Amino acid sequence: MPGVGPGDTRSNWRGYDLTLLDFTPANLEFARRRVKRAGLAGRVQAVLEGSITDLGRFPDGSFDAVLCTGGPLSHVLAAGDRERALAELVRVAKPGAPLFISVISRLSVLVVELLIGQHELEMAHFAPMRDSGDYFGGSGFTACHFFLPEEFQQALCRQPVELLEMVGLEGISSHHQKKLNQVARHPTRWKVWLETHYATCTHPAVVGLSEHILGVCRKL
């Protein structure tokens, strides 16, 4: 499954054989440790260094499901390369397979600038980033393309997939980690808050302002 990251090595993957792919060797080493800790080493076929823009090592229709989570598509800077990456992720999925692909939200990043990066409003990169989503690095974060929800939706719909859902992963909890952690310490409140999250995370307003946007698709 190209794009399965270290955070995806949970017990609910025990019924699947996994292939882990990442561009950064340090992330791969971290993934190996997490896989071992989760007791999934026997289910992992390979831990590979590579880029989602070129999955040529995998034949068409190789995987029952494809996950590209944590926003790696946002770190592909050229628009043509992003299209190529999406095409590759779809190509290696079997017909009918689900795909889960996430990106970093542009609107959420603008909220971050208001909350903790106000000095950047005066910097040369801010207006181009606001208007195009392109940020080329040099001011505290790696180079990235930040997506508007409609932009991401259009990119997915150019591929041979059925778009099933757009999800705001952090939802209305975005940028409120301290308060969310407080709720998580109280089992009854946490249960109600999770229900609230699931009830609202697909609302278009919440999708746009969430820190990460998840596209859930099925290959045609």
Protein backbone atom coordinates (compact mmCIF):
# COMPACT_ATOMS: atom_id res chain seq x y z
CA MET A 1 0.00 0.00 0.00
CA PRO A 2 1.98 3.05 -1.11
CA GLY A 3 1.75 5.91 1.32
CA VAL A 4 1.06 3.95 4.51
CA GLY A 5 2.96 5.98 7.08
CA PRO A 6 4.28 5.20 10.54
CA GLY A 7 1.04 6.34 12.14
CA ASP A 8 -0.95 3.72 10.21
CA THR A 9 0.55 0.62 11.82
CA ARG A 10 -2.45 -0.09 14.04
CA SER A 11 -4.05 -3.38 14.94
CA ASN A 12 -6.84 -2.90 12.39
CA TRP A 13 -4.29 -3.64 9.62
CA ARG A 14 -3.58 -7.15 10.91
CA GLY A 15 -5.68 -8.71 8.15
CA TYR A 16 -3.62 -7.16 5.35
CA ASP A 17 -0.16 -7.46 3.86
CA LEU A 18 1.40 -4.00 3.86
CA THR A 19 3.97 -2.21 1.72
CA LEU A 20 5.30 1.01 3.28
CA LEU A 21 6.75 3.76 1.09
CA ASP A 22 8.32 7.06 2.12
CA PHE A 23 10.72 9.54 0.57
CA THR A 24 12.73 10.12 3.77
CA PRO A 25 15.02 7.39 5.18
CA ALA A 26 14.51 8.60 8.76
CA ASN A 27 10.75 8.15 8.38
CA LEU A 28 11.28 4.63 7.09
CA GLU A 29 13.41 3.74 10.10
CA PHE A 30 10.72 5.16 12.35
CA ALA A 31 8.13 3.06 10.49
CA ARG A 32 10.18 -0.10 11.02
CA ARG A 33 10.28 0.55 14.76
CA ARG A 34 6.54 1.18 14.89
CA VAL A 35 5.80 -1.94 12.85
CA LYS A 36 7.90 -4.04 15.21
CA ARG A 37 6.28 -2.50 18.29
CA ALA A 38 2.80 -3.19 16.87
CA GLY A 39 3.67 -6.82 16.16
CA LEU A 40 3.02 -6.42 12.44
CA ALA A 41 6.44 -7.39 11.06
CA GLY A 42 5.01 -10.58 9.58
CA ARG A 43 2.42 -8.58 7.63
CA VAL A 44 4.82 -6.03 6.10
CA GLN A 45 6.14 -7.16 2.74
CA ALA A 46 8.50 -4.22 2.23
CA VAL A 47 9.60 -0.86 3.62
CA LEU A 48 10.75 1.11 0.60
CA GLU A 49 12.33 4.47 -0.12
CA GLY A 50 10.65 6.22 -3.02
CA SER A 51 8.40 8.99 -4.29
CA ILE A 52 4.70 8.95 -5.05
CA THR A 53 5.47 10.65 -8.36
CA ASP A 54 7.00 7.39 -9.63
CA LEU A 55 5.60 4.08 -8.45
CA GLY A 56 6.95 2.26 -11.47
CA ARG A 57 8.24 -0.62 -9.33
CA PHE A 58 4.59 -1.62 -8.80
CA PRO A 59 2.48 -3.09 -11.65
CA ASP A 60 -0.97 -1.73 -12.43
CA GLY A 61 -3.62 -2.86 -9.97
CA SER A 62 -1.18 -4.08 -7.32
CA PHE A 63 -3.03 -3.09 -4.15
CA ASP A 64 -6.37 -3.72 -2.47
CA ALA A 65 -6.24 -0.23 -0.93
CA VAL A 66 -3.95 2.80 -1.18
CA LEU A 67 -3.25 5.26 1.65
CA CYS A 68 -1.34 8.48 1.11
CA THR A 69 -1.84 10.19 4.44
CA GLY A 70 -0.10 12.91 6.40
CA GLY A 71 -0.17 15.30 3.45
CA PRO A 72 2.73 14.04 1.26
CA LEU A 73 0.97 15.27 -1.88
CA SER A 74 1.27 18.81 -0.51
CA HIS A 75 5.06 18.43 -0.55
CA VAL A 76 5.07 17.83 -4.32
CA LEU A 77 5.67 21.38 -5.51
CA ALA A 78 5.03 21.32 -9.27
CA ALA A 79 1.40 21.06 -10.37
CA GLY A 80 2.30 18.58 -13.10
CA ASP A 81 4.11 16.38 -10.61
CA ARG A 82 1.09 16.43 -8.29
CA GLU A 83 -1.09 15.25 -11.18
CA ARG A 84 1.44 12.53 -11.93
CA ALA A 85 1.50 11.45 -8.29
CA LEU A 86 -2.28 11.17 -8.15
CA ALA A 87 -2.28 9.19 -11.40
CA GLU A 88 0.32 6.82 -9.96
CA LEU A 89 -1.60 6.30 -6.72
CA VAL A 90 -4.70 5.43 -8.73
CA ARG A 91 -2.83 3.26 -11.23
CA VAL A 92 -1.45 0.89 -8.59
CA ALA A 93 -4.88 0.38 -6.98
CA LYS A 94 -7.05 -2.52 -8.09
CA PRO A 95 -10.36 -1.66 -9.77
CA GLY A 96 -12.88 -0.95 -7.02
CA ALA A 97 -10.15 -0.39 -4.42
CA PRO A 98 -10.50 2.47 -1.92
CA LEU A 99 -7.96 5.29 -1.85
CA PHE A 100 -7.39 7.62 1.10
CA ILE A 101 -5.35 10.71 0.18
CA SER A 102 -4.77 13.73 2.41
CA VAL A 103 -3.36 17.22 1.83
CA ILE A 104 -2.64 20.30 3.94
CA SER A 105 -5.37 22.94 3.89
CA ARG A 106 -4.55 26.46 2.68
CA LEU A 107 -7.27 28.11 4.77
CA SER A 108 -5.99 26.37 7.90
CA VAL A 109 -2.48 27.64 7.23
CA LEU A 110 -3.83 31.19 7.02
CA VAL A 111 -5.41 30.69 10.45
CA VAL A 112 -1.99 29.60 11.76
CA GLU A 113 -0.49 32.83 10.41
CA LEU A 114 -3.08 34.80 12.36
CA LEU A 115 -2.56 32.81 15.55
CA ILE A 116 1.22 32.46 15.74
CA GLY A 117 2.79 33.87 12.57
CA GLN A 118 1.54 37.42 12.31
CA HIS A 119 5.03 38.70 11.52
CA GLU A 120 4.83 36.74 8.26
CA LEU A 121 1.98 38.94 7.02
CA GLU A 122 4.66 41.50 6.18
CA MET A 123 6.94 39.02 4.41
CA ALA A 124 7.20 38.60 0.65
CA HIS A 125 6.03 35.00 0.59
CA PHE A 126 2.70 35.55 2.34
CA ALA A 127 0.51 37.02 -0.43
CA PRO A 128 1.68 34.51 -3.10
CA MET A 129 1.06 31.66 -0.66
CA ARG A 130 -2.37 33.03 0.20
CA ASP A 131 -3.34 33.41 -3.44
CA SER A 132 -1.74 30.34 -5.05
CA GLY A 133 -1.05 27.95 -2.18
CA ASP A 134 2.62 27.75 -3.16
CA TYR A 135 5.25 28.18 -0.45
CA PHE A 136 8.88 27.58 -1.32
CA GLY A 137 10.34 27.38 2.18
CA GLY A 138 12.71 29.53 4.16
CA SER A 139 10.43 30.67 6.96
CA GLY A 140 10.06 27.88 9.49
CA PHE A 141 8.32 25.22 7.39
CA THR A 142 9.33 22.99 4.52
CA ALA A 143 8.36 23.92 0.95
CA CYS A 144 4.75 22.99 0.32
CA HIS A 145 1.61 23.46 -1.72
CA PHE A 146 -1.44 24.18 0.41
CA PHE A 147 -4.80 23.17 -1.07
CA LEU A 148 -8.19 24.79 -1.17
CA PRO A 149 -10.88 22.11 -0.78
CA GLU A 150 -12.35 22.73 -4.24
CA GLU A 151 -8.88 22.57 -5.78
CA PHE A 152 -8.24 19.18 -4.17
CA GLN A 153 -11.66 17.91 -5.17
CA GLN A 154 -11.09 18.92 -8.80
CA ALA A 155 -7.68 17.23 -8.84
CA LEU A 156 -9.18 13.98 -7.55
CA CYS A 157 -12.06 14.11 -10.03
CA ARG A 158 -9.63 14.35 -12.96
CA GLN A 159 -8.58 10.80 -12.10
CA PRO A 160 -10.57 7.63 -12.89
CA VAL A 161 -12.09 7.48 -9.42
CA GLU A 162 -15.41 8.02 -7.70
CA LEU A 163 -15.01 10.63 -4.99
CA LEU A 164 -16.91 9.24 -2.01
CA GLU A 165 -16.19 11.85 0.65
CA MET A 166 -14.18 14.90 1.59
CA VAL A 167 -13.24 14.92 5.27
CA GLY A 168 -11.69 17.49 7.60
CA LEU A 169 -9.40 15.22 9.58
CA GLU A 170 -8.93 17.45 12.63
CA GLY A 171 -12.39 18.91 12.08
CA ILE A 172 -13.67 21.62 14.40
CA SER A 173 -10.86 20.70 16.80
CA SER A 174 -8.29 22.27 14.45
CA HIS A 175 -5.86 24.57 16.27
CA HIS A 176 -7.37 23.66 19.66
CA GLN A 177 -5.10 20.76 20.63
CA LYS A 178 -4.84 21.78 24.30
CA LYS A 179 -8.60 21.91 24.75
CA LEU A 180 -9.05 18.67 22.81
CA ASN A 181 -6.56 16.91 25.10
CA GLN A 182 -8.51 18.18 28.11
CA VAL A 183 -11.70 16.62 26.74
CA ALA A 184 -9.85 13.37 25.95
CA ARG A 185 -9.03 12.90 29.65
CA HIS A 186 -12.74 12.68 30.46
CA PRO A 187 -14.23 9.44 28.99
CA THR A 188 -17.86 10.61 28.84
CA ARG A 189 -17.01 13.98 27.28
CA TRP A 190 -14.58 12.31 24.89
CA LYS A 191 -17.26 9.94 23.63
CA VAL A 192 -19.65 12.82 22.97
CA TRP A 193 -16.93 14.88 21.32
CA LEU A 194 -15.96 12.03 18.98
CA GLU A 195 -19.61 11.68 18.00
CA THR A 196 -19.66 15.43 17.36
CA HIS A 197 -16.51 15.21 15.26
CA TYR A 198 -17.90 12.40 13.11
CA ALA A 199 -21.17 14.31 12.68
CA THR A 200 -19.45 17.48 11.46
CA CYS A 201 -16.12 16.55 9.83
CA THR A 202 -17.62 16.22 6.34
CA HIS A 203 -19.38 19.60 6.43
CA PRO A 204 -17.85 21.76 3.65
CA ALA A 205 -17.02 24.60 6.04
CA VAL A 206 -15.24 22.22 8.41
CA VAL A 207 -13.39 20.47 5.56
CA GLY A 208 -11.95 23.77 4.34
CA LEU A 209 -10.70 24.94 7.73
CA SER A 210 -9.38 21.61 8.99
CA GLU A 211 -5.60 21.30 9.12
CA HIS A 212 -5.66 18.29 6.77
CA ILE A 213 -8.23 17.41 4.13
CA LEU A 214 -8.83 13.75 3.33
CA GLY A 215 -10.23 12.60 0.00
CA VAL A 216 -11.87 9.18 0.11
CA CYS A 217 -12.16 7.65 -3.35
CA ARG A 218 -12.88 4.38 -5.11
CA LYS A 219 -11.06 3.43 -8.30
CA LEU A 220 -13.36 2.98 -11.27
